[in-house]
Amino acid sequence: MGMQGSAIALMFLSSLLCLPPYLAMQMFQRSCRRARRRGLPTTRYSLAIYACLGAFLFNLAVFAVTVRALAQGGGDFGPLQTVAVAVAWVTFWLWLFLAVSLGRNVRRGRGLR
């Protein structure tokens, strides 16, 4: 695999690890703003935002460590990478669930359903 293949693999790895927590965090931020506009408590959304931010930063750090190890000729897929993939997997399904359920609520509220 040449340099171009390595770049594609690294982009895939960064997307796999970092995109799901980022998307979930964005979804919670929108929900928090919506709750704030309606005068509802936002504590749970704020906690969820911080949890997603922590997941994003953890996965970003794992990605950086993995890239560094690969650059030095090593880079086994170990327990740290497994945990990062698990975190990404959970946040992906959380994001998907929220996207679908919030989409339903919006359709109901606008009379589109």
Protein backbone atom coordinates (compact mmCIF):
# COMPACT_ATOMS: atom_id res chain seq x y z
CA MET A 1 0.00 0.00 0.00
CA GLY A 2 1.50 3.31 -1.05
CA MET A 3 1.38 6.67 0.60
CA GLN A 4 -2.02 7.44 -0.92
CA GLY A 5 -3.46 4.21 0.50
CA SER A 6 -2.05 5.08 3.91
CA ALA A 7 -3.69 8.50 3.80
CA ILE A 8 -7.03 6.95 2.91
CA ALA A 9 -6.68 4.43 5.73
CA LEU A 10 -5.88 7.23 8.19
CA MET A 11 -8.87 9.27 7.03
CA PHE A 12 -11.09 6.22 7.47
CA LEU A 13 -9.67 5.57 10.95
CA SER A 14 -10.13 9.19 12.01
CA SER A 15 -13.72 9.15 10.72
CA LEU A 16 -14.44 5.84 12.42
CA LEU A 17 -13.15 7.04 15.77
CA CYS A 18 -13.95 10.75 15.86
CA LEU A 19 -17.04 11.37 13.75
CA PRO A 20 -19.67 9.52 15.86
CA PRO A 21 -18.88 11.33 19.14
CA TYR A 22 -18.76 14.64 17.27
CA LEU A 23 -22.16 14.05 15.62
CA ALA A 24 -23.73 13.01 18.93
CA MET A 25 -22.30 16.11 20.59
CA GLN A 26 -23.78 18.30 17.83
CA MET A 27 -27.17 16.64 18.28
CA PHE A 28 -27.11 17.26 22.06
CA GLN A 29 -26.11 20.89 21.47
CA ARG A 30 -29.13 21.39 19.20
CA SER A 31 -31.36 19.72 21.79
CA CYS A 32 -29.91 21.90 24.53
CA ARG A 33 -30.58 25.08 22.53
CA ARG A 34 -34.13 23.91 21.81
CA ALA A 35 -34.73 23.16 25.50
CA ARG A 36 -33.30 26.54 26.51
CA ARG A 37 -35.63 28.32 24.04
CA ARG A 38 -38.61 26.48 25.54
CA GLY A 39 -37.54 27.26 29.11
CA LEU A 40 -36.83 23.61 29.97
CA PRO A 41 -33.94 22.45 32.17
CA THR A 42 -30.73 21.85 30.20
CA THR A 43 -28.61 20.03 32.79
CA ARG A 44 -28.96 16.60 31.22
CA TYR A 45 -28.10 17.96 27.79
CA SER A 46 -25.06 19.74 29.17
CA LEU A 47 -23.87 16.54 30.84
CA ALA A 48 -24.41 14.62 27.60
CA ILE A 49 -22.46 17.28 25.67
CA TYR A 50 -19.54 16.96 28.08
CA ALA A 51 -19.68 13.15 27.89
CA CYS A 52 -19.59 13.29 24.08
CA LEU A 53 -16.78 15.84 24.20
CA GLY A 54 -14.85 13.50 26.49
CA ALA A 55 -15.47 10.60 24.11
CA PHE A 56 -14.36 12.72 21.16
CA LEU A 57 -11.16 13.84 22.91
CA PHE A 58 -10.39 10.29 24.06
CA ASN A 59 -10.83 8.93 20.54
CA LEU A 60 -8.80 11.79 19.09
CA ALA A 61 -5.98 10.98 21.52
CA VAL A 62 -6.16 7.27 20.61
CA PHE A 63 -6.05 8.23 16.94
CA ALA A 64 -2.97 10.40 17.54
CA VAL A 65 -1.23 7.62 19.48
CA THR A 66 -2.09 5.11 16.74
CA VAL A 67 -0.81 7.38 13.97
CA ARG A 68 2.39 7.98 15.90
CA ALA A 69 2.91 4.24 16.40
CA LEU A 70 2.24 3.58 12.72
CA ALA A 71 4.75 6.27 11.74
CA GLN A 72 7.39 4.54 13.86
CA GLY A 73 6.75 1.21 12.18
CA GLY A 74 4.64 -0.34 14.94
CA GLY A 75 0.99 0.00 15.63
CA ASP A 76 -0.81 -3.12 16.69
CA PHE A 77 -4.55 -2.96 17.20
CA GLY A 78 -4.62 -3.25 20.97
CA PRO A 79 -7.02 -2.78 23.86
CA LEU A 80 -6.83 1.01 23.63
CA GLN A 81 -8.01 0.98 20.03
CA THR A 82 -10.70 -1.56 20.90
CA VAL A 83 -12.08 0.74 23.62
CA ALA A 84 -11.99 3.69 21.19
CA VAL A 85 -13.95 1.72 18.59
CA ALA A 86 -16.46 0.68 21.28
CA VAL A 87 -16.89 4.31 22.34
CA ALA A 88 -17.41 5.31 18.71
CA TRP A 89 -19.90 2.48 18.22
CA VAL A 90 -21.99 3.49 21.23
CA THR A 91 -22.00 7.16 20.29
CA PHE A 92 -22.92 6.29 16.69
CA TRP A 93 -26.01 4.41 17.79
CA LEU A 94 -26.87 7.16 20.27
CA TRP A 95 -26.62 9.73 17.49
CA LEU A 96 -28.72 7.59 15.14
CA PHE A 97 -31.40 7.02 17.79
CA LEU A 98 -31.56 10.74 18.58
CA ALA A 99 -31.65 11.72 14.91
CA VAL A 100 -34.58 9.40 14.26
CA SER A 101 -36.51 10.21 17.43
CA LEU A 102 -35.99 13.97 17.18
CA GLY A 103 -36.96 13.83 13.52
CA ARG A 104 -40.25 12.18 14.47
CA ASN A 105 -40.92 14.84 17.11
CA VAL A 106 -40.27 17.62 14.62
CA ARG A 107 -42.61 16.05 12.04
CA ARG A 108 -45.36 15.67 14.65
CA GLY A 109 -44.92 19.26 15.83
CA ARG A 110 -45.27 20.66 12.31
CA GLY A 111 -48.22 18.47 11.41
CA LEU A 112 -46.27 16.54 8.81
CA ARG A 113 -47.11 13.16 10.21
